[in-house]
N, C-alpha and C. Protein backbone atom coordinates (compact mmCIF):
# COMPACT_ATOMS: atom_id res chain seq x y z
N MET A 1 8.71 -9.44 32.64
CA MET A 1 8.03 -8.20 32.91
C MET A 1 8.40 -7.18 31.84
N TYR A 2 7.41 -6.50 31.29
CA TYR A 2 7.64 -5.51 30.24
C TYR A 2 7.83 -4.13 30.86
N GLU A 3 8.88 -3.44 30.45
CA GLU A 3 9.12 -2.07 30.88
C GLU A 3 9.24 -1.20 29.64
N PRO A 4 8.46 -0.12 29.55
CA PRO A 4 8.54 0.76 28.39
C PRO A 4 9.96 1.29 28.18
N GLY A 5 10.40 1.29 26.95
CA GLY A 5 11.71 1.82 26.61
C GLY A 5 12.86 0.85 26.83
N VAL A 6 12.57 -0.36 27.30
CA VAL A 6 13.61 -1.34 27.55
C VAL A 6 13.44 -2.49 26.57
N GLY A 7 14.54 -2.96 26.01
CA GLY A 7 14.47 -4.09 25.08
C GLY A 7 14.33 -3.64 23.64
N ASN A 8 13.78 -4.51 22.82
CA ASN A 8 13.68 -4.20 21.40
C ASN A 8 12.25 -3.93 20.96
N GLY A 9 11.37 -3.51 21.84
CA GLY A 9 9.97 -3.21 21.49
C GLY A 9 9.82 -2.27 20.31
N PRO A 10 10.45 -1.08 20.33
CA PRO A 10 10.30 -0.16 19.20
C PRO A 10 10.85 -0.72 17.89
N ALA A 11 11.93 -1.51 17.93
CA ALA A 11 12.49 -2.08 16.70
C ALA A 11 11.50 -3.04 16.05
N VAL A 12 10.79 -3.81 16.86
CA VAL A 12 9.78 -4.72 16.33
C VAL A 12 8.65 -3.93 15.70
N ARG A 13 8.25 -2.87 16.36
CA ARG A 13 7.17 -2.03 15.84
C ARG A 13 7.58 -1.40 14.51
N ALA A 14 8.81 -0.90 14.40
CA ALA A 14 9.29 -0.30 13.16
C ALA A 14 9.31 -1.33 12.04
N ASP A 15 9.72 -2.58 12.34
CA ASP A 15 9.73 -3.63 11.34
C ASP A 15 8.31 -3.93 10.87
N TYR A 16 7.36 -3.96 11.79
CA TYR A 16 5.96 -4.22 11.44
C TYR A 16 5.43 -3.12 10.53
N GLU A 17 5.75 -1.86 10.82
CA GLU A 17 5.26 -0.75 10.01
C GLU A 17 5.81 -0.80 8.59
N ARG A 18 7.02 -1.33 8.41
CA ARG A 18 7.57 -1.45 7.05
C ARG A 18 6.82 -2.50 6.24
N ARG A 19 6.30 -3.53 6.90
CA ARG A 19 5.59 -4.60 6.20
C ARG A 19 4.11 -4.28 6.01
N TYR A 20 3.60 -3.27 6.68
CA TYR A 20 2.19 -2.91 6.59
C TYR A 20 1.88 -2.32 5.22
N VAL A 21 0.83 -2.81 4.59
CA VAL A 21 0.42 -2.30 3.29
C VAL A 21 -0.99 -1.74 3.43
N GLU A 22 -1.16 -0.49 3.04
CA GLU A 22 -2.47 0.15 3.11
C GLU A 22 -3.19 -0.05 1.78
N PHE A 23 -4.42 -0.50 1.84
CA PHE A 23 -5.22 -0.68 0.64
C PHE A 23 -6.19 0.47 0.49
N TRP A 24 -6.42 0.88 -0.75
CA TRP A 24 -7.30 1.99 -1.07
C TRP A 24 -8.48 1.46 -1.87
N PRO A 25 -9.70 1.77 -1.51
CA PRO A 25 -10.87 1.30 -2.26
C PRO A 25 -11.15 2.16 -3.49
N ALA A 26 -11.75 1.57 -4.49
CA ALA A 26 -12.17 2.31 -5.68
C ALA A 26 -13.17 3.37 -5.24
N GLY A 27 -13.12 4.54 -5.90
CA GLY A 27 -14.03 5.62 -5.59
C GLY A 27 -13.44 6.69 -4.69
N VAL A 28 -12.25 6.45 -4.14
CA VAL A 28 -11.59 7.42 -3.26
C VAL A 28 -10.91 8.48 -4.11
N ALA A 29 -11.07 9.76 -3.72
CA ALA A 29 -10.39 10.85 -4.41
C ALA A 29 -8.94 10.90 -3.96
N THR A 30 -8.01 10.72 -4.90
CA THR A 30 -6.58 10.72 -4.60
C THR A 30 -5.80 10.91 -5.88
N SER A 31 -4.49 10.90 -5.79
CA SER A 31 -3.65 10.95 -6.99
C SER A 31 -2.37 10.18 -6.72
N GLY A 32 -1.76 9.67 -7.78
CA GLY A 32 -0.51 8.93 -7.66
C GLY A 32 -0.54 7.60 -8.39
N TRP A 33 0.49 6.77 -8.16
CA TRP A 33 0.61 5.45 -8.77
C TRP A 33 -0.04 4.43 -7.86
N PHE A 34 -0.83 3.52 -8.43
CA PHE A 34 -1.48 2.46 -7.65
C PHE A 34 -1.39 1.14 -8.39
N LEU A 35 -1.33 0.04 -7.61
CA LEU A 35 -1.31 -1.32 -8.15
C LEU A 35 -2.58 -2.03 -7.72
N CYS A 36 -3.19 -2.77 -8.62
CA CYS A 36 -4.36 -3.58 -8.29
C CYS A 36 -3.95 -4.64 -7.28
N ALA A 37 -4.74 -4.80 -6.23
CA ALA A 37 -4.43 -5.78 -5.19
C ALA A 37 -4.57 -7.21 -5.69
N SER A 38 -5.32 -7.41 -6.77
CA SER A 38 -5.56 -8.75 -7.28
C SER A 38 -4.61 -9.15 -8.40
N CYS A 39 -4.52 -8.32 -9.45
CA CYS A 39 -3.74 -8.73 -10.62
C CYS A 39 -2.44 -7.95 -10.82
N GLY A 40 -2.23 -6.86 -10.05
CA GLY A 40 -0.99 -6.11 -10.17
C GLY A 40 -0.99 -5.04 -11.25
N ASN A 41 -2.12 -4.82 -11.91
CA ASN A 41 -2.23 -3.79 -12.92
C ASN A 41 -1.85 -2.43 -12.31
N THR A 42 -1.05 -1.64 -13.02
CA THR A 42 -0.62 -0.33 -12.53
C THR A 42 -1.42 0.77 -13.20
N VAL A 43 -1.88 1.74 -12.40
CA VAL A 43 -2.56 2.91 -12.94
C VAL A 43 -1.97 4.17 -12.31
N ILE A 44 -2.06 5.26 -13.05
CA ILE A 44 -1.70 6.57 -12.52
C ILE A 44 -3.02 7.31 -12.37
N VAL A 45 -3.33 7.72 -11.15
CA VAL A 45 -4.61 8.34 -10.85
C VAL A 45 -4.40 9.83 -10.60
N ARG A 46 -5.30 10.63 -11.13
CA ARG A 46 -5.24 12.08 -10.91
C ARG A 46 -6.46 12.59 -10.15
N ARG A 47 -7.54 11.80 -10.11
CA ARG A 47 -8.74 12.27 -9.42
C ARG A 47 -9.33 11.20 -8.51
N VAL A 48 -9.90 10.14 -9.11
CA VAL A 48 -10.60 9.12 -8.33
C VAL A 48 -10.13 7.73 -8.76
N LEU A 49 -9.88 6.86 -7.77
CA LEU A 49 -9.48 5.49 -8.09
C LEU A 49 -10.64 4.75 -8.75
N PRO A 50 -10.38 4.16 -9.92
CA PRO A 50 -11.42 3.37 -10.59
C PRO A 50 -11.37 1.92 -10.15
N ARG A 51 -12.29 1.11 -10.63
CA ARG A 51 -12.13 -0.34 -10.50
C ARG A 51 -11.03 -0.74 -11.48
N CYS A 52 -10.38 -1.85 -11.23
CA CYS A 52 -9.33 -2.31 -12.13
C CYS A 52 -9.94 -2.62 -13.50
N MET A 53 -9.31 -2.10 -14.53
CA MET A 53 -9.82 -2.31 -15.89
C MET A 53 -9.57 -3.72 -16.40
N LEU A 54 -8.63 -4.45 -15.77
CA LEU A 54 -8.33 -5.81 -16.23
C LEU A 54 -9.14 -6.88 -15.52
N CYS A 55 -9.29 -6.76 -14.20
CA CYS A 55 -9.95 -7.85 -13.46
C CYS A 55 -11.19 -7.41 -12.68
N GLY A 56 -11.46 -6.11 -12.58
CA GLY A 56 -12.64 -5.63 -11.88
C GLY A 56 -12.47 -5.45 -10.38
N GLU A 57 -11.26 -5.70 -9.86
CA GLU A 57 -10.99 -5.55 -8.42
C GLU A 57 -11.24 -4.11 -7.97
N ARG A 58 -11.63 -3.95 -6.70
CA ARG A 58 -11.91 -2.62 -6.16
C ARG A 58 -10.86 -2.14 -5.17
N LEU A 59 -9.86 -2.96 -4.85
CA LEU A 59 -8.83 -2.57 -3.89
C LEU A 59 -7.50 -2.29 -4.60
N TRP A 60 -6.84 -1.23 -4.15
CA TRP A 60 -5.57 -0.81 -4.73
C TRP A 60 -4.53 -0.64 -3.64
N GLU A 61 -3.27 -0.80 -4.01
CA GLU A 61 -2.13 -0.59 -3.13
C GLU A 61 -1.33 0.57 -3.71
N ARG A 62 -0.96 1.53 -2.86
CA ARG A 62 -0.16 2.65 -3.36
C ARG A 62 1.21 2.12 -3.76
N ALA A 63 1.65 2.51 -4.95
CA ALA A 63 2.95 2.07 -5.46
C ALA A 63 3.99 3.15 -5.22
N GLN A 64 5.24 2.76 -5.24
CA GLN A 64 6.33 3.73 -5.21
C GLN A 64 6.29 4.47 -6.54
N GLY A 65 6.99 5.55 -6.69
CA GLY A 65 6.92 6.41 -7.86
C GLY A 65 7.05 5.74 -9.21
N SER A 66 7.74 4.61 -9.31
CA SER A 66 7.96 3.96 -10.60
C SER A 66 6.98 2.82 -10.86
N GLY A 67 5.99 2.65 -10.00
CA GLY A 67 5.04 1.56 -10.18
C GLY A 67 5.39 0.31 -9.41
N ALA A 68 6.48 0.34 -8.62
CA ALA A 68 6.85 -0.82 -7.81
C ALA A 68 5.96 -0.90 -6.58
N SER A 69 5.57 -2.08 -6.20
CA SER A 69 4.73 -2.30 -5.05
C SER A 69 5.40 -1.84 -3.78
N ALA A 70 4.67 -1.16 -2.90
CA ALA A 70 5.23 -0.72 -1.64
C ALA A 70 5.60 -1.91 -0.76
N SER A 71 4.92 -3.04 -0.93
CA SER A 71 5.19 -4.22 -0.10
C SER A 71 6.45 -4.97 -0.56
N THR A 72 6.87 -4.78 -1.81
CA THR A 72 8.05 -5.48 -2.30
C THR A 72 9.25 -4.55 -2.45
N ALA A 73 9.04 -3.24 -2.43
CA ALA A 73 10.15 -2.30 -2.56
C ALA A 73 10.95 -2.26 -1.27
N VAL A 74 12.25 -2.17 -1.38
CA VAL A 74 13.10 -2.15 -0.18
C VAL A 74 13.81 -0.82 -0.10
């Protein structure tokens, strides 16, 4: 039987949120460091996310400040 606040429910949820990676589509107005979801190309965006200049992919992953992938950074 599940009871709210009992057990390790929140710890599992916190672990899941750390592994979650948000993808950003090309054409979105934003700024920051992004990695191509397909080839890993890094770009610094100041206005609108472009398509990847190397492979043409339209999905991006927000990178940590130095260009490291959010999914691999610890």
